[in-house]
Amino acid sequence: MSDDRFADGMKMRRAVLGDAHVDRAEARKTDLDEDFQRYITENAWGAVWTRPGLDRSTRSLLTIVLLAALGHWEELAMHIRASRNTGATRNDIREALFHVAVYAGVPAANHAFAVAREVFAEVENSEGGREQ
């Protein structure tokens, strides 16, 4: 079961975050965090993201909102970048961040909008101005 969950999790992780990101993360693993990385892959990606109850876009938006509400800015940026692979649009993200303002506070949403602007600018620059 654990090996199947790991394989399913790795497949989902690559589909959402992209091969390049996952390859970099895998290359950085050490003896210290190897078990933890497996735990994340099996549980976050293999047990939660692969569940049939929500589509990938909705899971992506939920993740973005939670990361913004908790102030996990690097992870937020990573998941905003990953939205290119999940189907969550720029407009979806904008609307989700309004929920952050109401339910988690304006400062969190304000910072999340700043992160989103930076990520979208980075993506547009790397893709020759193509908007999501």
Protein backbone atom coordinates (compact mmCIF):
# COMPACT_ATOMS: atom_id res chain seq x y z
CA MET A 1 0.00 0.00 0.00
CA SER A 2 2.71 2.50 0.97
CA ASP A 3 4.67 1.89 -2.25
CA ASP A 4 1.50 2.40 -4.32
CA ARG A 5 0.67 5.58 -2.42
CA PHE A 6 4.23 6.81 -2.92
CA ALA A 7 4.10 6.07 -6.67
CA ASP A 8 0.68 7.71 -7.01
CA GLY A 9 1.90 10.66 -4.94
CA MET A 10 5.02 11.11 -7.03
CA LYS A 11 2.95 11.01 -10.22
CA MET A 12 0.58 13.69 -8.85
CA ARG A 13 3.44 15.78 -7.44
CA ARG A 14 5.13 15.80 -10.84
CA ALA A 15 1.85 16.61 -12.61
CA VAL A 16 1.18 19.59 -10.34
CA LEU A 17 4.65 20.97 -9.59
CA GLY A 18 6.43 19.86 -12.75
CA ASP A 19 9.32 17.49 -13.31
CA ALA A 20 12.00 20.17 -12.97
CA HIS A 21 10.80 21.23 -9.51
CA VAL A 22 10.46 17.66 -8.25
CA ASP A 23 13.85 16.67 -9.70
CA ARG A 24 15.50 19.60 -7.87
CA ALA A 25 13.75 18.67 -4.62
CA GLU A 26 14.75 15.03 -4.97
CA ALA A 27 18.37 15.99 -5.65
CA ARG A 28 18.47 18.07 -2.44
CA LYS A 29 17.27 15.23 -0.18
CA THR A 30 19.65 14.16 2.56
CA ASP A 31 19.64 11.47 5.23
CA LEU A 32 18.06 14.06 7.52
CA ASP A 33 14.93 14.71 5.45
CA GLU A 34 14.62 11.69 3.17
CA ASP A 35 11.92 10.03 5.30
CA PHE A 36 10.09 13.35 5.64
CA GLN A 37 10.09 13.84 1.86
CA ARG A 38 8.65 10.35 1.44
CA TYR A 39 6.00 11.18 4.06
CA ILE A 40 4.96 14.32 2.14
CA THR A 41 4.82 12.44 -1.16
CA GLU A 42 2.78 9.57 0.30
CA ASN A 43 0.38 11.64 2.37
CA ALA A 44 -0.04 15.09 0.84
CA TRP A 45 0.30 14.00 -2.78
CA GLY A 46 -0.59 10.29 -2.65
CA ALA A 47 -3.39 10.30 -0.07
CA VAL A 48 -4.96 13.77 -0.38
CA TRP A 49 -4.30 15.20 -3.86
CA THR A 50 -5.27 11.88 -5.49
CA ARG A 51 -8.65 11.62 -3.73
CA PRO A 52 -11.60 11.67 -6.12
CA GLY A 53 -13.78 14.16 -4.17
CA LEU A 54 -12.37 17.41 -5.63
CA ASP A 55 -10.90 18.31 -8.97
CA ARG A 56 -7.28 19.41 -9.28
CA SER A 57 -8.16 23.07 -9.78
CA THR A 58 -10.21 23.17 -6.57
CA ARG A 59 -7.46 21.45 -4.60
CA SER A 60 -5.00 23.96 -6.01
CA LEU A 61 -7.15 26.92 -4.90
CA LEU A 62 -7.67 25.43 -1.44
CA THR A 63 -3.93 24.99 -1.09
CA ILE A 64 -3.26 28.56 -2.22
CA VAL A 65 -5.81 29.96 0.24
CA LEU A 66 -4.48 27.93 3.15
CA LEU A 67 -0.87 28.83 2.45
CA ALA A 68 -1.78 32.52 2.17
CA ALA A 69 -3.82 32.42 5.38
CA LEU A 70 -0.93 30.79 7.23
CA GLY A 71 1.71 33.10 5.76
CA HIS A 72 3.75 30.38 4.04
CA TRP A 73 4.95 32.67 1.27
CA GLU A 74 7.51 30.45 -0.49
CA GLU A 75 5.06 27.55 -0.65
CA LEU A 76 2.36 29.98 -1.80
CA ALA A 77 4.56 31.15 -4.68
CA MET A 78 5.31 27.54 -5.61
CA HIS A 79 1.60 26.66 -5.73
CA ILE A 80 0.69 29.79 -7.68
CA ARG A 81 3.34 28.75 -10.22
CA ALA A 82 1.87 25.24 -10.20
CA SER A 83 -1.59 26.59 -11.03
CA ARG A 84 -0.45 26.49 -14.67
CA ASN A 85 -0.68 22.70 -14.32
CA THR A 86 -3.86 22.50 -12.25
CA GLY A 87 -6.32 24.54 -14.27
CA ALA A 88 -6.74 27.25 -11.62
CA THR A 89 -6.74 30.55 -13.50
CA ARG A 90 -5.42 33.96 -12.55
CA ASN A 91 -9.02 35.07 -11.99
CA ASP A 92 -9.71 32.02 -9.79
CA ILE A 93 -6.67 32.90 -7.68
CA ARG A 94 -7.73 36.55 -7.43
CA GLU A 95 -11.17 35.55 -6.18
CA ALA A 96 -9.72 33.01 -3.75
CA LEU A 97 -7.44 35.68 -2.27
CA PHE A 98 -10.50 37.85 -1.56
CA HIS A 99 -11.65 35.02 0.71
CA VAL A 100 -8.31 35.19 2.47
CA ALA A 101 -8.92 38.88 3.18
CA VAL A 102 -12.31 38.24 4.76
CA TYR A 103 -11.55 35.06 6.67
CA ALA A 104 -7.83 35.31 7.46
CA GLY A 105 -7.21 39.05 7.35
CA VAL A 106 -6.38 41.84 4.97
CA PRO A 107 -2.62 41.79 5.74
CA ALA A 108 -2.38 38.12 4.72
CA ALA A 109 -4.35 38.75 1.52
CA ASN A 110 -2.35 41.88 0.74
CA HIS A 111 0.91 39.97 1.00
CA ALA A 112 -0.56 37.06 -0.98
CA PHE A 113 -1.58 39.43 -3.78
CA ALA A 114 1.99 40.77 -3.82
CA VAL A 115 3.35 37.22 -4.09
CA ALA A 116 0.87 36.46 -6.88
CA ARG A 117 1.88 39.60 -8.80
CA GLU A 118 5.55 38.59 -8.56
CA VAL A 119 4.87 35.03 -9.68
CA PHE A 120 2.64 36.09 -12.59
CA ALA A 121 5.27 38.60 -13.73
CA GLU A 122 7.96 35.91 -13.51
CA VAL A 123 5.81 33.48 -15.50
CA GLU A 124 4.97 36.08 -18.14
CA ASN A 125 8.65 37.00 -18.52
CA SER A 126 9.70 33.37 -18.86
CA GLU A 127 6.92 32.56 -21.31
CA GLY A 128 7.24 35.65 -23.48
CA GLY A 129 4.27 37.56 -22.11
CA ARG A 130 1.68 34.79 -22.38
CA GLU A 131 -1.01 35.34 -19.74
CA GLN A 132 -2.52 32.52 -17.73
